[in-house]
Amino acid sequence: MLDAERDYYEALQNYANARYDYVLNTLNLKQSAGTLSPQDLMNLNRWLSASAPGIEALAEDDETIDDPTRN
């Protein structure tokens, strides 16, 4: 049981890291391409707001999350 719980939290951490890397890489790509706009940052801020669900809630959700960098 403890191994399963450890694996669960490790998977959540990996998921959070992958989401962070995706957002950061997308923003870096847009910046390099010269297409990064204030709207991209406002969308990201809204996505990261205090009302956003925590990582555990997202992991238990069957729906896919919206891309915070797309309008």
C-alpha atoms as a PDB file:
ATOM      1  CA  MET A   1       0.000   0.000   0.000  1.00  0.00           C
ATOM      2  CA  LEU A   2       2.793   2.442   0.801  1.00  0.00           C
ATOM      3  CA  ASP A   3       4.460   1.723  -2.543  1.00  0.00           C
ATOM      4  CA  ALA A   4       1.222   2.515  -4.359  1.00  0.00           C
ATOM      5  CA  GLU A   5       0.803   5.756  -2.449  1.00  0.00           C
ATOM      6  CA  ARG A   6       4.402   6.763  -3.146  1.00  0.00           C
ATOM      7  CA  ASP A   7       3.924   5.951  -6.836  1.00  0.00           C
ATOM      8  CA  TYR A   8       0.732   8.005  -6.883  1.00  0.00           C
ATOM      9  CA  TYR A   9       2.441  11.112  -5.512  1.00  0.00           C
ATOM     10  CA  GLU A  10       5.424  10.579  -7.766  1.00  0.00           C
ATOM     11  CA  ALA A  11       3.049  10.448 -10.748  1.00  0.00           C
ATOM     12  CA  LEU A  12       1.374  13.671  -9.589  1.00  0.00           C
ATOM     13  CA  GLN A  13       4.762  15.335  -9.312  1.00  0.00           C
ATOM     14  CA  ASN A  14       5.734  14.145 -12.786  1.00  0.00           C
ATOM     15  CA  TYR A  15       2.430  15.430 -14.137  1.00  0.00           C
ATOM     16  CA  ALA A  16       2.928  18.842 -12.539  1.00  0.00           C
ATOM     17  CA  ASN A  17       6.485  19.013 -13.874  1.00  0.00           C
ATOM     18  CA  ALA A  18       5.315  18.104 -17.378  1.00  0.00           C
ATOM     19  CA  ARG A  19       2.635  20.821 -17.289  1.00  0.00           C
ATOM     20  CA  TYR A  20       5.187  23.365 -16.087  1.00  0.00           C
ATOM     21  CA  ASP A  21       7.659  22.366 -18.809  1.00  0.00           C
ATOM     22  CA  TYR A  22       4.935  22.552 -21.472  1.00  0.00           C
ATOM     23  CA  VAL A  23       3.864  26.056 -20.464  1.00  0.00           C
ATOM     24  CA  LEU A  24       7.430  27.309 -20.143  1.00  0.00           C
ATOM     25  CA  ASN A  25       8.493  25.819 -23.481  1.00  0.00           C
ATOM     26  CA  THR A  26       5.411  27.205 -25.235  1.00  0.00           C
ATOM     27  CA  LEU A  27       6.071  30.682 -23.870  1.00  0.00           C
ATOM     28  CA  ASN A  28       9.751  30.453 -24.845  1.00  0.00           C
ATOM     29  CA  LEU A  29       8.794  29.353 -28.345  1.00  0.00           C
ATOM     30  CA  LYS A  30       6.326  32.220 -28.739  1.00  0.00           C
ATOM     31  CA  GLN A  31       8.923  34.659 -27.439  1.00  0.00           C
ATOM     32  CA  SER A  32      11.557  33.346 -29.844  1.00  0.00           C
ATOM     33  CA  ALA A  33       9.090  33.528 -32.751  1.00  0.00           C
ATOM     34  CA  GLY A  34       8.123  37.066 -31.751  1.00  0.00           C
ATOM     35  CA  THR A  35       4.472  36.159 -31.235  1.00  0.00           C
ATOM     36  CA  LEU A  36       4.282  36.354 -27.431  1.00  0.00           C
ATOM     37  CA  SER A  37       1.565  38.833 -26.509  1.00  0.00           C
ATOM     38  CA  PRO A  38       0.238  40.329 -23.297  1.00  0.00           C
ATOM     39  CA  GLN A  39      -2.908  38.243 -23.867  1.00  0.00           C
ATOM     40  CA  ASP A  40      -0.795  35.061 -23.613  1.00  0.00           C
ATOM     41  CA  LEU A  41       0.405  36.162 -20.189  1.00  0.00           C
ATOM     42  CA  MET A  42      -3.088  37.150 -19.066  1.00  0.00           C
ATOM     43  CA  ASN A  43      -4.374  33.724 -20.139  1.00  0.00           C
ATOM     44  CA  LEU A  44      -1.562  32.049 -18.220  1.00  0.00           C
ATOM     45  CA  ASN A  45      -2.264  34.171 -15.151  1.00  0.00           C
ATOM     46  CA  ARG A  46      -5.950  33.237 -15.277  1.00  0.00           C
ATOM     47  CA  TRP A  47      -4.983  29.570 -15.643  1.00  0.00           C
ATOM     48  CA  LEU A  48      -2.722  29.810 -12.572  1.00  0.00           C
ATOM     49  CA  SER A  49      -5.205  31.798 -10.490  1.00  0.00           C
ATOM     50  CA  ALA A  50      -6.133  30.915  -6.957  1.00  0.00           C
ATOM     51  CA  SER A  51      -9.474  29.550  -8.124  1.00  0.00           C
ATOM     52  CA  ALA A  52      -7.757  26.952 -10.337  1.00  0.00           C
ATOM     53  CA  PRO A  53      -7.993  23.384  -9.001  1.00  0.00           C
ATOM     54  CA  GLY A  54      -4.940  21.804  -7.414  1.00  0.00           C
ATOM     55  CA  ILE A  55      -2.887  19.120  -9.099  1.00  0.00           C
ATOM     56  CA  GLU A  56      -4.687  16.280  -7.296  1.00  0.00           C
ATOM     57  CA  ALA A  57      -8.078  17.536  -8.513  1.00  0.00           C
ATOM     58  CA  LEU A  58      -6.749  17.673 -12.062  1.00  0.00           C
ATOM     59  CA  ALA A  59      -5.289  14.185 -11.805  1.00  0.00           C
ATOM     60  CA  GLU A  60      -8.682  12.787 -10.770  1.00  0.00           C
ATOM     61  CA  ASP A  61     -10.533  14.679 -13.520  1.00  0.00           C
ATOM     62  CA  ASP A  62     -11.455  12.708 -16.649  1.00  0.00           C
ATOM     63  CA  GLU A  63     -11.554  15.826 -18.823  1.00  0.00           C
ATOM     64  CA  THR A  64      -8.513  17.216 -20.586  1.00  0.00           C
ATOM     65  CA  ILE A  65      -7.327  20.653 -19.572  1.00  0.00           C
ATOM     66  CA  ASP A  66      -7.339  23.600 -21.928  1.00  0.00           C
ATOM     67  CA  ASP A  67      -4.058  24.864 -23.307  1.00  0.00           C
ATOM     68  CA  PRO A  68      -3.428  28.090 -21.330  1.00  0.00           C
ATOM     69  CA  THR A  69      -1.372  29.588 -24.145  1.00  0.00           C
ATOM     70  CA  ARG A  70      -4.096  29.370 -26.802  1.00  0.00           C
ATOM     71  CA  ASN A  71      -6.991  31.764 -27.227  1.00  0.00           C
END
